[in-house]
PDB file of N, CA and C in Angstrom:
ATOM      1  N   UNK A   1    -206.234 -22.630-128.759  1.00  0.00           N
ATOM      2  CA  UNK A   1    -206.428 -23.562-127.654  1.00  0.00           C
ATOM      3  C   UNK A   1    -205.673 -24.849-127.940  1.00  0.00           C
ATOM      4  N   UNK A   2    -205.195 -25.443-126.894  1.00  0.00           N
ATOM      5  CA  UNK A   2    -204.538 -26.731-127.023  1.00  0.00           C
ATOM      6  C   UNK A   2    -205.583 -27.825-127.067  1.00  0.00           C
ATOM      7  N   UNK A   3    -205.337 -28.832-127.863  1.00  0.00           N
ATOM      8  CA  UNK A   3    -206.221 -29.987-127.922  1.00  0.00           C
ATOM      9  C   UNK A   3    -205.613 -31.070-127.043  1.00  0.00           C
ATOM     10  N   UNK A   4    -206.068 -31.157-125.812  1.00  0.00           N
ATOM     11  CA  UNK A   4    -205.506 -32.089-124.842  1.00  0.00           C
ATOM     12  C   UNK A   4    -206.549 -33.141-124.513  1.00  0.00           C
ATOM     13  N   UNK A   5    -206.166 -34.398-124.615  1.00  0.00           N
ATOM     14  CA  UNK A   5    -207.076 -35.484-124.264  1.00  0.00           C
ATOM     15  C   UNK A   5    -207.299 -35.491-122.754  1.00  0.00           C
ATOM     16  N   UNK A   6    -208.486 -35.888-122.337  1.00  0.00           N
ATOM     17  CA  UNK A   6    -208.828 -35.904-120.912  1.00  0.00           C
ATOM     18  C   UNK A   6    -207.867 -36.760-120.100  1.00  0.00           C
ATOM     19  N   UNK A   7    -207.322 -37.820-120.688  1.00  0.00           N
ATOM     20  CA  UNK A   7    -206.412 -38.660-119.921  1.00  0.00           C
ATOM     21  C   UNK A   7    -205.036 -38.013-119.744  1.00  0.00           C
ATOM     22  N   UNK A   8    -204.787 -36.877-120.392  1.00  0.00           N
ATOM     23  CA  UNK A   8    -203.528 -36.155-120.230  1.00  0.00           C
ATOM     24  C   UNK A   8    -203.629 -35.045-119.190  1.00  0.00           C
ATOM     25  N   UNK A   9    -204.821 -34.687-118.795  1.00  0.00           N
ATOM     26  CA  UNK A   9    -205.012 -33.600-117.828  1.00  0.00           C
ATOM     27  C   UNK A   9    -204.759 -34.141-116.437  1.00  0.00           C
ATOM     28  N   UNK A  10    -203.808 -33.531-115.743  1.00  0.00           N
ATOM     29  CA  UNK A  10    -203.451 -34.015-114.415  1.00  0.00           C
ATOM     30  C   UNK A  10    -203.882 -33.063-113.313  1.00  0.00           C
ATOM     31  N   UNK A  11    -204.368 -31.878-113.685  1.00  0.00           N
ATOM     32  CA  UNK A  11    -204.829 -30.914-112.699  1.00  0.00           C
ATOM     33  C   UNK A  11    -205.187 -29.595-113.362  1.00  0.00           C
ATOM     34  N   UNK A  12    -205.935 -28.774-112.651  1.00  0.00           N
ATOM     35  CA  UNK A  12    -206.348 -27.458-113.126  1.00  0.00           C
ATOM     36  C   UNK A  12    -205.997 -26.417-112.082  1.00  0.00           C
ATOM     37  N   UNK A  13    -205.498 -25.289-112.548  1.00  0.00           N
ATOM     38  CA  UNK A  13    -205.281 -24.132-111.686  1.00  0.00           C
ATOM     39  C   UNK A  13    -206.074 -22.990-112.296  1.00  0.00           C
ATOM     40  N   UNK A  14    -206.991 -22.452-111.535  1.00  0.00           N
ATOM     41  CA  UNK A  14    -207.839 -21.354-111.988  1.00  0.00           C
ATOM     42  C   UNK A  14    -207.449 -20.082-111.270  1.00  0.00           C
ATOM     43  N   UNK A  15    -207.537 -18.975-111.978  1.00  0.00           N
ATOM     44  CA  UNK A  15    -207.235 -17.679-111.382  1.00  0.00           C
ATOM     45  C   UNK A  15    -208.379 -17.166-110.545  1.00  0.00           C
ATOM     46  N   UNK A  16    -208.283 -15.891-110.228  1.00  0.00           N
ATOM     47  CA  UNK A  16    -209.346 -15.206-109.490  1.00  0.00           C
ATOM     48  C   UNK A  16    -210.348 -14.672-110.492  1.00  0.00           C
ATOM     49  N   UNK A  17    -211.576 -15.012-110.310  1.00  0.00           N
ATOM     50  CA  UNK A  17    -212.631 -14.564-111.205  1.00  0.00           C
ATOM     51  C   UNK A  17    -213.359 -13.413-110.527  1.00  0.00           C
ATOM     52  N   UNK A  18    -213.379 -12.274-111.202  1.00  0.00           N
ATOM     53  CA  UNK A  18    -214.030 -11.099-110.638  1.00  0.00           C
ATOM     54  C   UNK A  18    -215.106 -10.626-111.600  1.00  0.00           C
ATOM     55  N   UNK A  19    -216.104 -10.024-111.057  1.00  0.00           N
ATOM     56  CA  UNK A  19    -217.175  -9.439-111.853  1.00  0.00           C
ATOM     57  C   UNK A  19    -217.814 -10.451-112.808  1.00  0.00           C
ATOM     58  N   UNK A  20    -218.133 -11.638-112.300  1.00  0.00           N
ATOM     59  CA  UNK A  20    -218.818 -12.628-113.142  1.00  0.00           C
ATOM     60  C   UNK A  20    -219.950 -13.299-112.361  1.00  0.00           C
ATOM     61  N   UNK A  21    -220.922 -12.478-111.912  1.00  0.00           N
ATOM     62  CA  UNK A  21    -222.062 -13.062-111.205  1.00  0.00           C
ATOM     63  C   UNK A  21    -222.955 -13.813-112.188  1.00  0.00           C
ATOM     64  N   UNK A  22    -223.790 -14.719-111.696  1.00  0.00           N
ATOM     65  CA  UNK A  22    -224.715 -15.410-112.594  1.00  0.00           C
ATOM     66  C   UNK A  22    -225.697 -14.422-113.219  1.00  0.00           C
ATOM     67  N   UNK A  23    -226.069 -14.679-114.446  1.00  0.00           N
ATOM     68  CA  UNK A  23    -227.052 -13.849-115.143  1.00  0.00           C
ATOM     69  C   UNK A  23    -228.359 -14.610-115.288  1.00  0.00           C
ATOM     70  N   UNK A  24    -229.139 -14.281-116.295  1.00  0.00           N
ATOM     71  CA  UNK A  24    -230.392 -14.980-116.529  1.00  0.00           C
ATOM     72  C   UNK A  24    -230.214 -16.109-117.529  1.00  0.00           C
ATOM     73  N   UNK A  25    -231.169 -17.004-117.606  1.00  0.00           N
ATOM     74  CA  UNK A  25    -231.132 -18.099-118.572  1.00  0.00           C
ATOM     75  C   UNK A  25    -229.954 -19.017-118.350  1.00  0.00           C
ATOM     76  N   UNK A  26    -229.259 -19.380-119.436  1.00  0.00           N
ATOM     77  CA  UNK A  26    -228.094 -20.262-119.328  1.00  0.00           C
ATOM     78  C   UNK A  26    -227.036 -19.642-118.434  1.00  0.00           C
ATOM     79  N   UNK A  27    -226.955 -18.325-118.436  1.00  0.00           N
ATOM     80  CA  UNK A  27    -225.980 -17.623-117.625  1.00  0.00           C
ATOM     81  C   UNK A  27    -226.305 -17.637-116.144  1.00  0.00           C
ATOM     82  N   UNK A  28    -227.370 -18.339-115.742  1.00  0.00           N
ATOM     83  CA  UNK A  28    -227.743 -18.363-114.330  1.00  0.00           C
ATOM     84  C   UNK A  28    -226.861 -19.301-113.509  1.00  0.00           C
ATOM     85  N   UNK A  29    -225.994 -20.044-114.173  1.00  0.00           N
ATOM     86  CA  UNK A  29    -225.075 -20.908-113.438  1.00  0.00           C
ATOM     87  C   UNK A  29    -224.023 -20.056-112.738  1.00  0.00           C
ATOM     88  N   UNK A  30    -223.664 -20.445-111.534  1.00  0.00           N
ATOM     89  CA  UNK A  30    -222.572 -19.767-110.845  1.00  0.00           C
ATOM     90  C   UNK A  30    -221.251 -20.344-111.344  1.00  0.00           C
ATOM     91  N   UNK A  31    -220.187 -19.641-111.050  1.00  0.00           N
ATOM     92  CA  UNK A  31    -218.869 -20.153-111.404  1.00  0.00           C
ATOM     93  C   UNK A  31    -218.641 -21.503-110.740  1.00  0.00           C
ATOM     94  N   UNK A  32    -219.050 -21.626-109.511  1.00  0.00           N
ATOM     95  CA  UNK A  32    -218.934 -22.904-108.780  1.00  0.00           C
ATOM     96  C   UNK A  32    -219.673 -24.020-109.515  1.00  0.00           C
ATOM     97  N   UNK A  33    -220.877 -23.733-110.031  1.00  0.00           N
ATOM     98  CA  UNK A  33    -221.642 -24.721-110.796  1.00  0.00           C
ATOM     99  C   UNK A  33    -220.877 -25.179-112.035  1.00  0.00           C
ATOM    100  N   UNK A  34    -220.331 -24.212-112.759  1.00  0.00           N
ATOM    101  CA  UNK A  34    -219.607 -24.533-113.993  1.00  0.00           C
ATOM    102  C   UNK A  34    -218.385 -25.393-113.693  1.00  0.00           C
ATOM    103  N   UNK A  35    -217.606 -24.997-112.694  1.00  0.00           N
ATOM    104  CA  UNK A  35    -216.412 -25.768-112.349  1.00  0.00           C
ATOM    105  C   UNK A  35    -216.765 -27.162-111.865  1.00  0.00           C
ATOM    106  N   UNK A  36    -217.802 -27.281-111.057  1.00  0.00           N
ATOM    107  CA  UNK A  36    -218.217 -28.598-110.573  1.00  0.00           C
ATOM    108  C   UNK A  36    -218.700 -29.492-111.713  1.00  0.00           C
ATOM    109  N   UNK A  37    -219.433 -28.918-112.659  1.00  0.00           N
ATOM    110  CA  UNK A  37    -219.955 -29.707-113.785  1.00  0.00           C
ATOM    111  C   UNK A  37    -218.867 -30.124-114.764  1.00  0.00           C
ATOM    112  N   UNK A  38    -217.891 -29.247-115.009  1.00  0.00           N
ATOM    113  CA  UNK A  38    -216.894 -29.508-116.044  1.00  0.00           C
ATOM    114  C   UNK A  38    -215.618 -30.161-115.520  1.00  0.00           C
ATOM    115  N   UNK A  39    -215.197 -29.823-114.326  1.00  0.00           N
ATOM    116  CA  UNK A  39    -213.890 -30.263-113.838  1.00  0.00           C
ATOM    117  C   UNK A  39    -213.987 -31.421-112.846  1.00  0.00           C
ATOM    118  N   UNK A  40    -214.901 -31.353-111.929  1.00  0.00           N
ATOM    119  CA  UNK A  40    -215.002 -32.377-110.876  1.00  0.00           C
ATOM    120  C   UNK A  40    -215.113 -33.797-111.431  1.00  0.00           C
ATOM    121  N   UNK A  41    -215.906 -34.025-112.499  1.00  0.00           N
ATOM    122  CA  UNK A  41    -216.008 -35.390-113.025  1.00  0.00           C
ATOM    123  C   UNK A  41    -214.688 -35.958-113.562  1.00  0.00           C
ATOM    124  N   UNK A  42    -213.719 -35.099-113.856  1.00  0.00           N
ATOM    125  CA  UNK A  42    -212.436 -35.575-114.365  1.00  0.00           C
ATOM    126  C   UNK A  42    -211.601 -36.248-113.281  1.00  0.00           C
ATOM    127  N   UNK A  43    -211.912 -35.961-112.018  1.00  0.00           N
ATOM    128  CA  UNK A  43    -211.204 -36.602-110.907  1.00  0.00           C
ATOM    129  C   UNK A  43    -209.759 -36.162-110.758  1.00  0.00           C
ATOM    130  N   UNK A  44    -209.462 -34.929-111.146  1.00  0.00           N
ATOM    131  CA  UNK A  44    -208.100 -34.408-111.009  1.00  0.00           C
ATOM    132  C   UNK A  44    -208.104 -33.263-109.997  1.00  0.00           C
ATOM    133  N   UNK A  45    -206.954 -32.971-109.399  1.00  0.00           N
ATOM    134  CA  UNK A  45    -206.906 -31.852-108.461  1.00  0.00           C
ATOM    135  C   UNK A  45    -207.232 -30.541-109.164  1.00  0.00           C
ATOM    136  N   UNK A  46    -207.955 -29.680-108.473  1.00  0.00           N
ATOM    137  CA  UNK A  46    -208.293 -28.374-109.019  1.00  0.00           C
ATOM    138  C   UNK A  46    -208.150 -27.339-107.920  1.00  0.00           C
ATOM    139  N   UNK A  47    -207.574 -26.209-108.270  1.00  0.00           N
ATOM    140  CA  UNK A  47    -207.318 -25.129-107.323  1.00  0.00           C
ATOM    141  C   UNK A  47    -207.772 -23.841-107.967  1.00  0.00           C
ATOM    142  N   UNK A  48    -208.583 -23.086-107.282  1.00  0.00           N
ATOM    143  CA  UNK A  48    -209.036 -21.810-107.823  1.00  0.00           C
ATOM    144  C   UNK A  48    -208.707 -20.695-106.850  1.00  0.00           C
ATOM    145  N   UNK A  49    -208.637 -19.489-107.402  1.00  0.00           N
ATOM    146  CA  UNK A  49    -208.331 -18.329-106.582  1.00  0.00           C
ATOM    147  C   UNK A  49    -206.865 -17.937-106.598  1.00  0.00           C
ATOM    148  N   UNK A  50    -206.092 -18.488-107.523  1.00  0.00           N
ATOM    149  CA  UNK A  50    -204.682 -18.120-107.617  1.00  0.00           C
ATOM    150  C   UNK A  50    -204.547 -16.722-108.215  1.00  0.00           C
ATOM    151  N   UNK A  51    -203.401 -16.149-108.113  1.00  0.00           N
ATOM    152  CA  UNK A  51    -203.164 -14.793-108.613  1.00  0.00           C
ATOM    153  C   UNK A  51    -202.709 -14.828-110.072  1.00  0.00           C
ATOM    154  N   UNK A  52    -203.489 -15.476-110.907  1.00  0.00           N
ATOM    155  CA  UNK A  52    -203.248 -15.492-112.344  1.00  0.00           C
ATOM    156  C   UNK A  52    -204.510 -14.997-113.034  1.00  0.00           C
ATOM    157  N   UNK A  53    -204.378 -14.579-114.261  1.00  0.00           N
ATOM    158  CA  UNK A  53    -205.549 -14.130-115.005  1.00  0.00           C
ATOM    159  C   UNK A  53    -205.543 -12.631-115.213  1.00  0.00           C
ATOM    160  N   UNK A  54    -206.707 -12.092-115.507  1.00  0.00           N
ATOM    161  CA  UNK A  54    -206.869 -10.670-115.815  1.00  0.00           C
ATOM    162  C   UNK A  54    -207.192  -9.892-114.548  1.00  0.00           C
ATOM    163  N   UNK A  55    -206.213  -9.820-113.664  1.00  0.00           N
ATOM    164  CA  UNK A  55    -206.378  -9.131-112.387  1.00  0.00           C
ATOM    165  C   UNK A  55    -205.148  -8.261-112.127  1.00  0.00           C
ATOM    166  N   UNK A  56    -205.274  -7.351-111.173  1.00  0.00           N
ATOM    167  CA  UNK A  56    -204.104  -6.595-110.722  1.00  0.00           C
ATOM    168  C   UNK A  56    -203.198  -7.527-109.923  1.00  0.00           C
ATOM    169  N   UNK A  57    -201.940  -7.205-109.884  1.00  0.00           N
ATOM    170  CA  UNK A  57    -200.964  -7.974-109.091  1.00  0.00           C
ATOM    171  C   UNK A  57    -201.018  -9.459-109.420  1.00  0.00           C
ATOM    172  N   UNK A  58    -200.743  -9.768-110.657  1.00  0.00           N
ATOM    173  CA  UNK A  58    -200.783 -11.150-111.119  1.00  0.00           C
ATOM    174  C   UNK A  58    -199.390 -11.676-111.421  1.00  0.00           C
ATOM    175  N   UNK A  59    -199.276 -12.984-111.513  1.00  0.00           N
ATOM    176  CA  UNK A  59    -198.067 -13.578-112.049  1.00  0.00           C
ATOM    177  C   UNK A  59    -198.470 -14.433-113.241  1.00  0.00           C
ATOM    178  N   UNK A  60    -197.523 -14.743-114.086  1.00  0.00           N
ATOM    179  CA  UNK A  60    -197.825 -15.503-115.291  1.00  0.00           C
ATOM    180  C   UNK A  60    -197.109 -16.846-115.280  1.00  0.00           C
ATOM    181  N   UNK A  61    -197.720 -17.792-115.932  1.00  0.00           N
ATOM    182  CA  UNK A  61    -197.128 -19.114-116.128  1.00  0.00           C
ATOM    183  C   UNK A  61    -197.081 -19.343-117.631  1.00  0.00           C
ATOM    184  N   UNK A  62    -195.911 -19.600-118.188  1.00  0.00           N
ATOM    185  CA  UNK A  62    -195.820 -19.820-119.636  1.00  0.00           C
ATOM    186  C   UNK A  62    -196.653 -21.030-120.068  1.00  0.00           C
ATOM    187  N   UNK A  63    -197.152 -20.980-121.287  1.00  0.00           N
ATOM    188  CA  UNK A  63    -197.884 -22.112-121.839  1.00  0.00           C
ATOM    189  C   UNK A  63    -196.949 -23.286-122.081  1.00  0.00           C
ATOM    190  N   UNK A  64    -197.488 -24.476-121.953  1.00  0.00           N
ATOM    191  CA  UNK A  64    -196.783 -25.708-122.295  1.00  0.00           C
ATOM    192  C   UNK A  64    -195.538 -25.946-121.440  1.00  0.00           C
ATOM    193  N   UNK A  65    -195.595 -25.517-120.179  1.00  0.00           N
ATOM    194  CA  UNK A  65    -194.505 -25.723-119.240  1.00  0.00           C
ATOM    195  C   UNK A  65    -195.013 -26.644-118.137  1.00  0.00           C
ATOM    196  N   UNK A  66    -194.199 -27.620-117.777  1.00  0.00           N
ATOM    197  CA  UNK A  66    -194.614 -28.541-116.721  1.00  0.00           C
ATOM    198  C   UNK A  66    -194.466 -27.861-115.363  1.00  0.00           C
ATOM    199  N   UNK A  67    -195.531 -27.950-114.570  1.00  0.00           N
ATOM    200  CA  UNK A  67    -195.535 -27.391-113.219  1.00  0.00           C
ATOM    201  C   UNK A  67    -196.132 -28.412-112.270  1.00  0.00           C
ATOM    202  N   UNK A  68    -195.931 -28.177-110.997  1.00  0.00           N
ATOM    203  CA  UNK A  68    -196.670 -28.924-109.983  1.00  0.00           C
ATOM    204  C   UNK A  68    -197.242 -27.906-109.030  1.00  0.00           C
ATOM    205  N   UNK A  69    -198.366 -28.270-108.402  1.00  0.00           N
ATOM    206  CA  UNK A  69    -198.967 -27.330-107.473  1.00  0.00           C
ATOM    207  C   UNK A  69    -199.456 -28.035-106.234  1.00  0.00           C
ATOM    208  N   UNK A  70    -199.440 -27.282-105.162  1.00  0.00           N
ATOM    209  CA  UNK A  70    -199.950 -27.724-103.873  1.00  0.00           C
ATOM    210  C   UNK A  70    -200.975 -26.687-103.450  1.00  0.00           C
ATOM    211  N   UNK A  71    -202.245 -27.001-103.669  1.00  0.00           N
ATOM    212  CA  UNK A  71    -203.306 -26.043-103.378  1.00  0.00           C
ATOM    213  C   UNK A  71    -203.374 -25.722-101.883  1.00  0.00           C
ATOM    214  N   UNK A  72    -203.121 -26.705-101.049  1.00  0.00           N
ATOM    215  CA  UNK A  72    -203.176 -26.483 -99.608  1.00  0.00           C
ATOM    216  C   UNK A  72    -202.130 -25.489 -99.134  1.00  0.00           C
ATOM    217  N   UNK A  73    -200.946 -25.553 -99.733  1.00  0.00           N
ATOM    218  CA  UNK A  73    -199.868 -24.650 -99.355  1.00  0.00           C
ATOM    219  C   UNK A  73    -199.884 -23.363-100.179  1.00  0.00           C
ATOM    220  N   UNK A  74    -200.671 -23.335-101.261  1.00  0.00           N
ATOM    221  CA  UNK A  74    -200.721 -22.164-102.120  1.00  0.00           C
ATOM    222  C   UNK A  74    -199.444 -21.957-102.906  1.00  0.00           C
ATOM    223  N   UNK A  75    -198.887 -23.065-103.441  1.00  0.00           N
ATOM    224  CA  UNK A  75    -197.596 -22.998-104.128  1.00  0.00           C
ATOM    225  C   UNK A  75    -197.698 -23.628-105.513  1.00  0.00           C
ATOM    226  N   UNK A  76    -197.183 -22.905-106.508  1.00  0.00           N
ATOM    227  CA  UNK A  76    -197.017 -23.439-107.855  1.00  0.00           C
ATOM    228  C   UNK A  76    -195.521 -23.437-108.137  1.00  0.00           C
ATOM    229  N   UNK A  77    -194.989 -24.570-108.570  1.00  0.00           N
ATOM    230  CA  UNK A  77    -193.560 -24.684-108.864  1.00  0.00           C
ATOM    231  C   UNK A  77    -193.387 -25.022-110.330  1.00  0.00           C
ATOM    232  N   UNK A  78    -192.657 -24.171-111.059  1.00  0.00           N
ATOM    233  CA  UNK A  78    -192.340 -24.464-112.450  1.00  0.00           C
ATOM    234  C   UNK A  78    -191.202 -25.474-112.469  1.00  0.00           C
ATOM    235  N   UNK A  79    -191.400 -26.577-113.180  1.00  0.00           N
ATOM    236  CA  UNK A  79    -190.401 -27.636-113.240  1.00  0.00           C
ATOM    237  C   UNK A  79    -189.459 -27.488-114.425  1.00  0.00           C
ATOM    238  N   UNK A  80    -189.748 -26.534-115.292  1.00  0.00           N
ATOM    239  CA  UNK A  80    -188.893 -26.240-116.442  1.00  0.00           C
ATOM    240  C   UNK A  80    -189.087 -24.781-116.817  1.00  0.00           C
ATOM    241  N   UNK A  81    -188.151 -24.253-117.588  1.00  0.00           N
ATOM    242  CA  UNK A  81    -188.226 -22.861-118.018  1.00  0.00           C
ATOM    243  C   UNK A  81    -189.151 -22.729-119.219  1.00  0.00           C
ATOM    244  N   UNK A  82    -189.814 -21.602-119.328  1.00  0.00           N
ATOM    245  CA  UNK A  82    -190.619 -21.296-120.502  1.00  0.00           C
ATOM    246  C   UNK A  82    -189.743 -20.723-121.603  1.00  0.00           C
ATOM    247  N   UNK A  83    -190.338 -20.503-122.765  1.00  0.00           N
ATOM    248  CA  UNK A  83    -189.600 -19.905-123.873  1.00  0.00           C
ATOM    249  C   UNK A  83    -189.345 -18.437-123.567  1.00  0.00           C
ATOM    250  N   UNK A  84    -188.197 -17.953-123.938  1.00  0.00           N
ATOM    251  CA  UNK A  84    -187.860 -16.543-123.730  1.00  0.00           C
ATOM    252  C   UNK A  84    -188.114 -15.753-124.975  1.00  0.00           C
TER     253      UNK A  84
END
């Protein structure tokens, strides 16, 4: 994991989460609850439901590459190339 200070985080892009309903006890939180508790207080843009992650028909974004995203338009733009 990268150790990134909160003041360096400029936004979050989350993939599609499947098969993760709330469970019992601590696991009773919904995904929405977790994202609201952890991300919303940071005051940065957040977009969920993108086609990244452990799903069929996905695309990948290299680590440590600068990107910009427009959640309303559903667009992620890589501003530099990743390592080959």
